[in-house]
Amino acid sequence: MVAAFDLSAQVRAMTDADLAEVVQIEGRAYEFPWTINIFRDCLRAGYGCFVLATRAEIIGYFVLSVAADEAHVLNVCVDPSEQGNGYGRRLMKRLLDLARWHRAERVFLEVRPSNPRAIALYHDLGFNEIGRRPRYYPAKNGREDALVMAIELLAD
């Protein structure tokens, strides 16, 4: 599939001024969304918080934690109205570049088994399933497991 993304969209650092729009996207994308305070805490903690934005709107975002030689994807999201246009891949590639810049040797993430499009993207980018966290995510009927995935970042 050829990506149909807006060429004016740029990945840039998330700011406090972006949080209201980010939380709106989060609410459209997830049944159990992060709150504005969670995003604010991530900014204050110095996590890698970035948005993909045009001049008019934010399309998606990610939050990455890096410690020692490991990185952890805490959140990555594309507005549901923009999914399928290549923005998720673009965000994930930028996220992996940021992890490499921080000299992380591996990147971890959790994903719901009920999210096959995300799982397919992660596999396509080189992530492998390494485990499962039982009852990790809240769900309509209780809890849902998380697939734990990881990628080793090889030195160039």
Protein backbone atom coordinates (compact mmCIF):
# COMPACT_ATOMS: atom_id res chain seq x y z
CA MET A 1 0.00 0.00 0.00
CA VAL A 2 1.31 3.44 -0.86
CA ALA A 3 1.14 5.85 2.08
CA ALA A 4 -1.20 8.76 1.50
CA PHE A 5 0.14 10.95 4.23
CA ASP A 6 0.20 14.71 4.35
CA LEU A 7 3.72 15.76 3.40
CA SER A 8 3.45 18.87 5.57
CA ALA A 9 3.09 16.71 8.70
CA GLN A 10 6.17 16.91 10.91
CA VAL A 11 7.27 15.02 14.00
CA ARG A 12 8.06 17.51 16.76
CA ALA A 13 8.32 17.58 20.54
CA MET A 14 5.02 17.48 22.38
CA THR A 15 4.27 20.53 24.54
CA ASP A 16 1.74 21.35 27.25
CA ALA A 17 -0.19 23.28 24.60
CA ASP A 18 -0.70 20.02 22.65
CA LEU A 19 -2.21 18.06 25.52
CA ALA A 20 -5.88 18.94 25.00
CA GLU A 21 -5.71 17.79 21.37
CA VAL A 22 -3.66 14.70 22.24
CA VAL A 23 -6.21 13.68 24.89
CA GLN A 24 -9.04 14.11 22.36
CA ILE A 25 -7.27 11.73 19.95
CA GLU A 26 -6.56 9.32 22.81
CA GLY A 27 -10.26 9.30 23.70
CA ARG A 28 -11.29 8.60 20.10
CA ALA A 29 -8.76 5.80 19.75
CA TYR A 30 -9.05 3.91 23.03
CA GLU A 31 -11.86 2.65 25.20
CA PHE A 32 -9.66 3.16 28.27
CA PRO A 33 -7.64 6.28 27.38
CA TRP A 34 -4.81 7.94 29.23
CA THR A 35 -5.79 11.10 31.09
CA ILE A 36 -4.31 14.53 30.52
CA ASN A 37 -2.47 14.14 33.84
CA ILE A 38 -0.70 10.99 32.64
CA PHE A 39 0.56 12.83 29.55
CA ARG A 40 1.53 15.83 31.68
CA ASP A 41 3.47 13.54 34.05
CA CYS A 42 5.31 11.99 31.07
CA LEU A 43 6.33 15.45 29.86
CA ARG A 44 7.52 16.43 33.34
CA ALA A 45 9.44 13.17 33.73
CA GLY A 46 11.40 13.97 30.57
CA TYR A 47 10.14 11.03 28.53
CA GLY A 48 10.38 11.29 24.76
CA CYS A 49 6.97 12.81 23.99
CA PHE A 50 6.41 13.67 20.33
CA VAL A 51 3.50 14.55 18.06
CA LEU A 52 3.01 14.21 14.32
CA ALA A 53 1.33 17.43 13.30
CA THR A 54 0.34 19.48 10.30
CA ARG A 55 -0.09 23.24 10.57
CA ALA A 56 -3.76 22.65 11.40
CA GLU A 57 -3.89 19.57 13.60
CA ILE A 58 -2.16 16.75 15.43
CA ILE A 59 -2.44 13.41 13.64
CA GLY A 60 -0.69 11.16 16.16
CA TYR A 61 1.86 10.94 18.94
CA PHE A 62 4.17 8.69 20.91
CA VAL A 63 5.69 8.50 24.37
CA LEU A 64 9.02 6.70 24.81
CA SER A 65 10.91 5.99 28.02
CA VAL A 66 14.65 5.30 27.80
CA ALA A 67 16.76 4.07 30.70
CA ALA A 68 20.23 2.58 30.52
CA ASP A 69 20.34 0.56 27.31
CA GLU A 70 16.59 -0.13 27.01
CA ALA A 71 13.64 1.82 25.65
CA HIS A 72 9.97 1.21 26.33
CA VAL A 73 7.10 2.38 24.13
CA LEU A 74 4.59 3.73 26.63
CA ASN A 75 2.04 4.98 24.10
CA VAL A 76 1.78 5.34 20.35
CA CYS A 77 -1.39 6.43 18.63
CA VAL A 78 -2.73 7.73 15.33
CA ASP A 79 -6.10 9.46 15.19
CA PRO A 80 -8.62 6.80 14.06
CA SER A 81 -9.69 9.04 11.16
CA GLU A 82 -6.09 8.97 9.85
CA GLN A 83 -5.25 5.30 10.41
CA GLY A 84 -4.21 3.30 7.37
CA ASN A 85 -2.30 6.18 5.77
CA GLY A 86 1.21 5.25 6.91
CA TYR A 87 1.37 7.57 9.91
CA GLY A 88 1.79 4.76 12.45
CA ARG A 89 4.80 3.43 10.54
CA ARG A 90 6.24 6.94 10.32
CA LEU A 91 5.82 7.47 14.08
CA MET A 92 7.34 4.09 14.91
CA LYS A 93 10.36 4.70 12.64
CA ARG A 94 10.94 8.06 14.33
CA LEU A 95 10.55 6.41 17.73
CA LEU A 96 13.15 3.77 16.82
CA ASP A 97 15.50 6.50 15.56
CA LEU A 98 15.09 8.30 18.89
CA ALA A 99 15.83 5.08 20.80
CA ARG A 100 19.00 4.60 18.72
CA TRP A 101 20.01 8.23 19.36
CA HIS A 102 19.72 7.47 23.09
CA ARG A 103 21.93 4.40 22.48
CA ALA A 104 19.22 1.94 23.49
CA GLU A 105 20.08 -1.62 22.50
CA ARG A 106 16.49 -2.88 22.55
CA VAL A 107 12.97 -1.50 22.55
CA PHE A 108 10.02 -3.12 24.31
CA LEU A 109 6.29 -2.59 23.96
CA GLU A 110 2.99 -4.12 25.01
CA VAL A 111 0.07 -4.48 22.63
CA ARG A 112 -3.42 -5.91 22.96
CA PRO A 113 -3.91 -9.23 21.14
CA SER A 114 -7.16 -7.68 19.88
CA ASN A 115 -5.16 -5.10 17.87
CA PRO A 116 -4.00 -7.13 14.83
CA ARG A 117 -3.12 -4.06 12.70
CA ALA A 118 -0.66 -2.81 15.31
CA ILE A 119 0.79 -6.30 15.79
CA ALA A 120 1.30 -6.63 12.02
CA LEU A 121 3.06 -3.24 11.89
CA TYR A 122 5.35 -4.14 14.78
CA HIS A 123 6.25 -7.48 13.18
CA ASP A 124 6.92 -5.70 9.88
CA LEU A 125 9.29 -3.30 11.65
CA GLY A 126 11.23 -6.20 13.18
CA PHE A 127 9.61 -6.64 16.60
CA ASN A 128 9.16 -10.19 17.91
CA GLU A 129 6.77 -11.47 20.54
CA ILE A 130 8.79 -12.37 23.65
CA GLY A 131 6.09 -12.91 26.25
CA ARG A 132 2.66 -12.19 27.59
CA ARG A 133 1.41 -10.17 30.54
CA PRO A 134 -1.80 -11.78 31.81
CA ARG A 135 -4.73 -9.43 32.52
CA TYR A 136 -2.61 -6.34 31.74
CA TYR A 137 -5.18 -4.09 30.06
CA PRO A 138 -8.64 -3.06 31.27
CA ALA A 139 -11.35 -4.40 28.97
CA LYS A 140 -15.15 -4.32 28.73
CA ASN A 141 -15.51 -7.72 30.32
CA GLY A 142 -12.67 -7.56 32.83
CA ARG A 143 -9.05 -7.62 31.70
CA GLU A 144 -7.12 -8.43 28.51
CA ASP A 145 -3.63 -9.88 28.25
CA ALA A 146 -0.79 -7.93 26.66
CA LEU A 147 1.61 -9.33 24.12
CA VAL A 148 5.13 -8.21 24.98
CA MET A 149 7.23 -7.48 21.91
CA ALA A 150 10.83 -6.38 21.51
CA ILE A 151 13.33 -5.41 18.85
CA GLU A 152 17.11 -5.46 19.12
CA LEU A 153 18.67 -2.30 17.71
CA LEU A 154 21.79 -3.30 15.89
CA ALA A 155 24.68 -0.87 15.68
CA ASP A 156 25.04 0.69 12.23
